[in-house]
Amino acid sequence: MKLTSFESMNCPLAQTLEVVGERWTLLVLRDVFFGARRFDDIQANLGIARNILALRLQRLVADGILERRPGARGRHEYVLTEKGLDLQPVLLSLAQWGERHRPHPDGPRLQFVERATARPIAPMGARSADGRLLQPTDIRAVPGPGLRAAPGPGQAFGQRLEPEAGTGTAEHASARRGRRGKKEPGPGGQPAIGSG
């Protein structure tokens, strides 16, 4: 059976994609972050079909990402909520990824700068609790209580996660490690990101 929704997947990424993973949604949010507030402005900039834009905006409002407010001359405006503003690092990361891996031959298309200094912001990245920039192989995922409590479709990845210290058996942890405690390689010989 073809999966048409991520709603039943007990995975934070799947749940995020359920909200912002549809075609056009991230570009609608990009335009609102850049200052577009009215339906007609967003539609004219994106060239998106009006019915599709209406559906995307309705969904973003229903999910609490945008708030629909009365605007000038009786026209409504769409404003980011706190929940919507929390998506800024996601959009910045995706834009920086696009500049790095899908560059334009003439150079960068966008540069994000700090308003107060006009200096470019640092590349987005995962940081430790004390602020150190971490590499992909420095990070692993451990199953939390929400994953263990509600198993569901699309989360077989959870079976490959190492339990938090003190919550699993030594056999479970060692089963996924190579000889002498080394990490098992992932696809293509890469370190197994997400494992201990």
C-alpha atoms as a PDB file:
ATOM      1  CA  MET A   1       0.000   0.000   0.000  1.00  0.00           C
ATOM      2  CA  LYS A   2       1.316   3.458  -0.905  1.00  0.00           C
ATOM      3  CA  LEU A   3       2.012   5.700   2.062  1.00  0.00           C
ATOM      4  CA  THR A   4       0.214   9.030   1.676  1.00  0.00           C
ATOM      5  CA  SER A   5       0.945  10.509   5.106  1.00  0.00           C
ATOM      6  CA  PHE A   6       3.689  10.416   7.731  1.00  0.00           C
ATOM      7  CA  GLU A   7       1.138  10.959  10.512  1.00  0.00           C
ATOM      8  CA  SER A   8       1.427   7.394  11.837  1.00  0.00           C
ATOM      9  CA  MET A   9       5.245   7.356  11.831  1.00  0.00           C
ATOM     10  CA  ASN A  10       6.612   7.786  15.339  1.00  0.00           C
ATOM     11  CA  CYS A  11       9.680   9.715  14.217  1.00  0.00           C
ATOM     12  CA  PRO A  12      10.407  13.425  14.784  1.00  0.00           C
ATOM     13  CA  LEU A  13      11.668  13.894  11.217  1.00  0.00           C
ATOM     14  CA  ALA A  14       8.579  12.216   9.756  1.00  0.00           C
ATOM     15  CA  GLN A  15       6.339  14.372  11.946  1.00  0.00           C
ATOM     16  CA  THR A  16       8.183  17.491  10.759  1.00  0.00           C
ATOM     17  CA  LEU A  17       7.785  16.446   7.117  1.00  0.00           C
ATOM     18  CA  GLU A  18       4.082  15.907   7.749  1.00  0.00           C
ATOM     19  CA  VAL A  19       3.893  19.670   8.372  1.00  0.00           C
ATOM     20  CA  VAL A  20       6.511  21.201   6.037  1.00  0.00           C
ATOM     21  CA  GLY A  21       7.389  18.414   3.595  1.00  0.00           C
ATOM     22  CA  GLU A  22       4.807  19.099   0.903  1.00  0.00           C
ATOM     23  CA  ARG A  23       5.889  20.685  -2.365  1.00  0.00           C
ATOM     24  CA  TRP A  24       6.025  24.506  -2.125  1.00  0.00           C
ATOM     25  CA  THR A  25       5.650  24.691   1.667  1.00  0.00           C
ATOM     26  CA  LEU A  26       9.266  25.604   2.438  1.00  0.00           C
ATOM     27  CA  LEU A  27       9.293  28.181  -0.350  1.00  0.00           C
ATOM     28  CA  VAL A  28       6.119  29.743   1.032  1.00  0.00           C
ATOM     29  CA  LEU A  29       7.835  29.958   4.418  1.00  0.00           C
ATOM     30  CA  ARG A  30      10.958  31.402   2.777  1.00  0.00           C
ATOM     31  CA  ASP A  31       8.898  34.224   1.299  1.00  0.00           C
ATOM     32  CA  VAL A  32       7.196  34.962   4.616  1.00  0.00           C
ATOM     33  CA  PHE A  33      10.589  35.038   6.339  1.00  0.00           C
ATOM     34  CA  PHE A  34      11.722  37.499   3.645  1.00  0.00           C
ATOM     35  CA  GLY A  35       8.788  39.790   4.397  1.00  0.00           C
ATOM     36  CA  ALA A  36       5.934  38.717   2.121  1.00  0.00           C
ATOM     37  CA  ARG A  37       2.722  38.856   4.134  1.00  0.00           C
ATOM     38  CA  ARG A  38      -0.196  38.868   1.707  1.00  0.00           C
ATOM     39  CA  PHE A  39      -1.520  36.029  -0.407  1.00  0.00           C
ATOM     40  CA  ASP A  40      -1.130  37.936  -3.673  1.00  0.00           C
ATOM     41  CA  ASP A  41       2.495  38.863  -2.934  1.00  0.00           C
ATOM     42  CA  ILE A  42       3.453  35.272  -2.171  1.00  0.00           C
ATOM     43  CA  GLN A  43       1.570  33.988  -5.220  1.00  0.00           C
ATOM     44  CA  ALA A  44       3.124  36.537  -7.574  1.00  0.00           C
ATOM     45  CA  ASN A  45       6.651  35.842  -6.346  1.00  0.00           C
ATOM     46  CA  LEU A  46       6.423  32.043  -6.480  1.00  0.00           C
ATOM     47  CA  GLY A  47       4.182  31.671  -9.523  1.00  0.00           C
ATOM     48  CA  ILE A  48       2.336  28.953  -7.617  1.00  0.00           C
ATOM     49  CA  ALA A  49      -1.256  28.061  -8.515  1.00  0.00           C
ATOM     50  CA  ARG A  50      -3.664  29.967  -6.281  1.00  0.00           C
ATOM     51  CA  ASN A  51      -5.502  26.851  -5.107  1.00  0.00           C
ATOM     52  CA  ILE A  52      -2.239  25.160  -4.112  1.00  0.00           C
ATOM     53  CA  LEU A  53      -1.060  28.251  -2.234  1.00  0.00           C
ATOM     54  CA  ALA A  54      -4.390  28.485  -0.446  1.00  0.00           C
ATOM     55  CA  LEU A  55      -4.047  24.872   0.704  1.00  0.00           C
ATOM     56  CA  ARG A  56      -0.447  25.367   1.878  1.00  0.00           C
ATOM     57  CA  LEU A  57      -1.325  28.519   3.819  1.00  0.00           C
ATOM     58  CA  GLN A  58      -4.374  26.869   5.393  1.00  0.00           C
ATOM     59  CA  ARG A  59      -2.222  23.962   6.537  1.00  0.00           C
ATOM     60  CA  LEU A  60       0.498  26.231   7.949  1.00  0.00           C
ATOM     61  CA  VAL A  61      -2.134  28.205   9.863  1.00  0.00           C
ATOM     62  CA  ALA A  62      -3.821  25.018  11.117  1.00  0.00           C
ATOM     63  CA  ASP A  63      -0.458  23.691  12.321  1.00  0.00           C
ATOM     64  CA  GLY A  64       0.339  26.938  14.130  1.00  0.00           C
ATOM     65  CA  ILE A  65       3.301  27.852  11.903  1.00  0.00           C
ATOM     66  CA  LEU A  66       1.599  30.993  10.556  1.00  0.00           C
ATOM     67  CA  GLU A  67      -1.086  33.243  11.985  1.00  0.00           C
ATOM     68  CA  ARG A  68      -3.672  34.836   9.685  1.00  0.00           C
ATOM     69  CA  ARG A  69      -4.332  38.424  10.757  1.00  0.00           C
ATOM     70  CA  PRO A  70      -6.496  41.237   9.390  1.00  0.00           C
ATOM     71  CA  GLY A  71      -4.388  43.596   7.310  1.00  0.00           C
ATOM     72  CA  ALA A  72      -4.781  46.898   5.519  1.00  0.00           C
ATOM     73  CA  ARG A  73      -7.854  47.457   3.338  1.00  0.00           C
ATOM     74  CA  GLY A  74      -9.498  44.302   4.626  1.00  0.00           C
ATOM     75  CA  ARG A  75      -6.805  42.018   3.223  1.00  0.00           C
ATOM     76  CA  HIS A  76      -5.408  39.334   5.464  1.00  0.00           C
ATOM     77  CA  GLU A  77      -1.717  38.925   6.244  1.00  0.00           C
ATOM     78  CA  TYR A  78       0.253  35.847   7.226  1.00  0.00           C
ATOM     79  CA  VAL A  79       2.692  36.246  10.105  1.00  0.00           C
ATOM     80  CA  LEU A  80       5.150  33.730  11.537  1.00  0.00           C
ATOM     81  CA  THR A  81       4.337  32.440  15.001  1.00  0.00           C
ATOM     82  CA  GLU A  82       6.972  31.396  17.530  1.00  0.00           C
ATOM     83  CA  LYS A  83       6.561  27.864  16.190  1.00  0.00           C
ATOM     84  CA  GLY A  84       7.204  29.178  12.682  1.00  0.00           C
ATOM     85  CA  LEU A  85      10.234  31.204  13.745  1.00  0.00           C
ATOM     86  CA  ASP A  86      11.709  27.990  15.169  1.00  0.00           C
ATOM     87  CA  LEU A  87      12.038  26.804  11.558  1.00  0.00           C
ATOM     88  CA  GLN A  88      14.566  29.535  10.722  1.00  0.00           C
ATOM     89  CA  PRO A  89      17.642  27.340  11.421  1.00  0.00           C
ATOM     90  CA  VAL A  90      16.138  24.631   9.201  1.00  0.00           C
ATOM     91  CA  LEU A  91      15.692  27.035   6.286  1.00  0.00           C
ATOM     92  CA  LEU A  92      19.153  28.522   6.797  1.00  0.00           C
ATOM     93  CA  SER A  93      20.712  25.057   6.832  1.00  0.00           C
ATOM     94  CA  LEU A  94      18.906  24.021   3.652  1.00  0.00           C
ATOM     95  CA  ALA A  95      19.861  27.258   1.879  1.00  0.00           C
ATOM     96  CA  GLN A  96      23.521  26.861   2.879  1.00  0.00           C
ATOM     97  CA  TRP A  97      23.442  23.233   1.740  1.00  0.00           C
ATOM     98  CA  GLY A  98      22.045  24.369  -1.617  1.00  0.00           C
ATOM     99  CA  GLU A  99      24.773  26.991  -2.056  1.00  0.00           C
ATOM    100  CA  ARG A 100      27.434  24.397  -1.275  1.00  0.00           C
ATOM    101  CA  HIS A 101      26.121  21.404  -3.198  1.00  0.00           C
ATOM    102  CA  ARG A 102      23.969  23.029  -5.928  1.00  0.00           C
ATOM    103  CA  PRO A 103      25.955  26.220  -6.568  1.00  0.00           C
ATOM    104  CA  HIS A 104      25.294  28.776  -9.261  1.00  0.00           C
ATOM    105  CA  PRO A 105      28.246  29.204 -11.670  1.00  0.00           C
ATOM    106  CA  ASP A 106      28.315  32.973 -11.059  1.00  0.00           C
ATOM    107  CA  GLY A 107      28.621  32.591  -7.286  1.00  0.00           C
ATOM    108  CA  PRO A 108      26.396  32.600  -4.206  1.00  0.00           C
ATOM    109  CA  ARG A 109      22.751  33.526  -4.676  1.00  0.00           C
ATOM    110  CA  LEU A 110      22.101  34.428  -1.051  1.00  0.00           C
ATOM    111  CA  GLN A 111      24.280  35.481   1.830  1.00  0.00           C
ATOM    112  CA  PHE A 112      22.852  35.655   5.320  1.00  0.00           C
ATOM    113  CA  VAL A 113      24.266  38.410   7.511  1.00  0.00           C
ATOM    114  CA  GLU A 114      23.753  39.623  11.049  1.00  0.00           C
ATOM    115  CA  ARG A 115      21.574  42.751  11.013  1.00  0.00           C
ATOM    116  CA  ALA A 116      23.617  44.603  13.624  1.00  0.00           C
ATOM    117  CA  THR A 117      27.032  44.108  12.001  1.00  0.00           C
ATOM    118  CA  ALA A 118      26.259  43.167   8.362  1.00  0.00           C
ATOM    119  CA  ARG A 119      28.802  40.360   8.776  1.00  0.00           C
ATOM    120  CA  PRO A 120      28.002  36.917   7.328  1.00  0.00           C
ATOM    121  CA  ILE A 121      26.664  34.381   9.792  1.00  0.00           C
ATOM    122  CA  ALA A 122      28.666  31.231  10.448  1.00  0.00           C
ATOM    123  CA  PRO A 123      27.726  28.049   8.605  1.00  0.00           C
ATOM    124  CA  MET A 124      24.962  26.166  10.359  1.00  0.00           C
ATOM    125  CA  GLY A 125      26.050  23.105  12.266  1.00  0.00           C
ATOM    126  CA  ALA A 126      25.397  20.915  15.263  1.00  0.00           C
ATOM    127  CA  ARG A 127      27.031  22.069  18.468  1.00  0.00           C
ATOM    128  CA  SER A 128      27.790  20.414  21.769  1.00  0.00           C
ATOM    129  CA  ALA A 129      26.176  21.603  24.995  1.00  0.00           C
ATOM    130  CA  ASP A 130      29.281  23.751  25.641  1.00  0.00           C
ATOM    131  CA  GLY A 131      29.192  25.302  22.155  1.00  0.00           C
ATOM    132  CA  ARG A 132      31.796  23.248  20.278  1.00  0.00           C
ATOM    133  CA  LEU A 133      31.068  22.591  16.583  1.00  0.00           C
ATOM    134  CA  LEU A 134      30.549  18.858  16.095  1.00  0.00           C
ATOM    135  CA  GLN A 135      31.227  16.696  13.055  1.00  0.00           C
ATOM    136  CA  PRO A 136      28.628  14.168  11.829  1.00  0.00           C
ATOM    137  CA  THR A 137      30.574  11.260  13.306  1.00  0.00           C
ATOM    138  CA  ASP A 138      30.646  12.992  16.720  1.00  0.00           C
ATOM    139  CA  ILE A 139      26.883  12.577  17.086  1.00  0.00           C
ATOM    140  CA  ARG A 140      24.749   9.554  17.801  1.00  0.00           C
ATOM    141  CA  ALA A 141      21.066   9.104  18.520  1.00  0.00           C
ATOM    142  CA  VAL A 142      19.662   7.155  21.431  1.00  0.00           C
ATOM    143  CA  PRO A 143      16.054   6.028  21.713  1.00  0.00           C
ATOM    144  CA  GLY A 144      13.962   8.113  24.068  1.00  0.00           C
ATOM    145  CA  PRO A 145      10.852   7.120  25.993  1.00  0.00           C
ATOM    146  CA  GLY A 146       8.542   8.310  23.207  1.00  0.00           C
ATOM    147  CA  LEU A 147      10.131   5.939  20.703  1.00  0.00           C
ATOM    148  CA  ARG A 148      10.033   2.981  23.062  1.00  0.00           C
ATOM    149  CA  ALA A 149       6.477   3.690  24.213  1.00  0.00           C
ATOM    150  CA  ALA A 150       4.811   3.952  20.836  1.00  0.00           C
ATOM    151  CA  PRO A 151       6.385   1.796  18.125  1.00  0.00           C
ATOM    152  CA  GLY A 152       4.917   2.228  14.680  1.00  0.00           C
ATOM    153  CA  PRO A 153       5.562   2.033  10.943  1.00  0.00           C
ATOM    154  CA  GLY A 154       8.659   3.639   9.489  1.00  0.00           C
ATOM    155  CA  GLN A 155      10.768   3.470  12.624  1.00  0.00           C
ATOM    156  CA  ALA A 156      12.848   0.366  12.072  1.00  0.00           C
ATOM    157  CA  PHE A 157      15.738   2.817  12.405  1.00  0.00           C
ATOM    158  CA  GLY A 158      14.994   2.747  16.142  1.00  0.00           C
ATOM    159  CA  GLN A 159      16.093  -0.874  16.323  1.00  0.00           C
ATOM    160  CA  ARG A 160      19.577   0.244  15.259  1.00  0.00           C
ATOM    161  CA  LEU A 161      19.908   2.873  17.978  1.00  0.00           C
ATOM    162  CA  GLU A 162      21.968   2.189  21.044  1.00  0.00           C
ATOM    163  CA  PRO A 163      20.013   2.420  24.296  1.00  0.00           C
ATOM    164  CA  GLU A 164      20.766   5.218  26.719  1.00  0.00           C
ATOM    165  CA  ALA A 165      23.286   4.303  29.390  1.00  0.00           C
ATOM    166  CA  GLY A 166      21.683   2.080  31.982  1.00  0.00           C
ATOM    167  CA  THR A 167      18.549   1.293  29.939  1.00  0.00           C
ATOM    168  CA  GLY A 168      19.686  -1.578  27.699  1.00  0.00           C
ATOM    169  CA  THR A 169      21.666  -4.744  27.840  1.00  0.00           C
ATOM    170  CA  ALA A 170      25.345  -5.126  27.086  1.00  0.00           C
ATOM    171  CA  GLU A 171      24.446  -7.704  24.460  1.00  0.00           C
ATOM    172  CA  HIS A 172      22.239  -5.197  22.630  1.00  0.00           C
ATOM    173  CA  ALA A 173      24.996  -2.589  22.528  1.00  0.00           C
ATOM    174  CA  SER A 174      27.802  -4.969  21.593  1.00  0.00           C
ATOM    175  CA  ALA A 175      25.781  -6.623  18.834  1.00  0.00           C
ATOM    176  CA  ARG A 176      26.188  -3.520  16.711  1.00  0.00           C
ATOM    177  CA  ARG A 177      29.849  -2.871  17.400  1.00  0.00           C
ATOM    178  CA  GLY A 178      32.727  -4.326  15.432  1.00  0.00           C
ATOM    179  CA  ARG A 179      35.589  -6.243  16.948  1.00  0.00           C
ATOM    180  CA  ARG A 180      37.475  -4.671  19.865  1.00  0.00           C
ATOM    181  CA  GLY A 181      34.692  -2.098  20.343  1.00  0.00           C
ATOM    182  CA  LYS A 182      35.111  -0.315  17.012  1.00  0.00           C
ATOM    183  CA  LYS A 183      32.132   1.199  15.233  1.00  0.00           C
ATOM    184  CA  GLU A 184      30.672  -0.829  12.443  1.00  0.00           C
ATOM    185  CA  PRO A 185      30.930   0.995   9.140  1.00  0.00           C
ATOM    186  CA  GLY A 186      27.780   2.314   7.556  1.00  0.00           C
ATOM    187  CA  PRO A 187      27.024   2.322   3.835  1.00  0.00           C
ATOM    188  CA  GLY A 188      30.115   2.842   1.709  1.00  0.00           C
ATOM    189  CA  GLY A 189      32.451   2.313   4.663  1.00  0.00           C
ATOM    190  CA  GLN A 190      31.349   5.510   6.420  1.00  0.00           C
ATOM    191  CA  PRO A 191      31.109   5.604  10.208  1.00  0.00           C
ATOM    192  CA  ALA A 192      27.689   4.501  11.369  1.00  0.00           C
ATOM    193  CA  ILE A 193      26.182   7.855  12.296  1.00  0.00           C
ATOM    194  CA  GLY A 194      23.666   7.481  15.063  1.00  0.00           C
ATOM    195  CA  SER A 195      25.298   4.445  16.636  1.00  0.00           C
ATOM    196  CA  GLY A 196      27.643   4.388  19.564  1.00  0.00           C
END
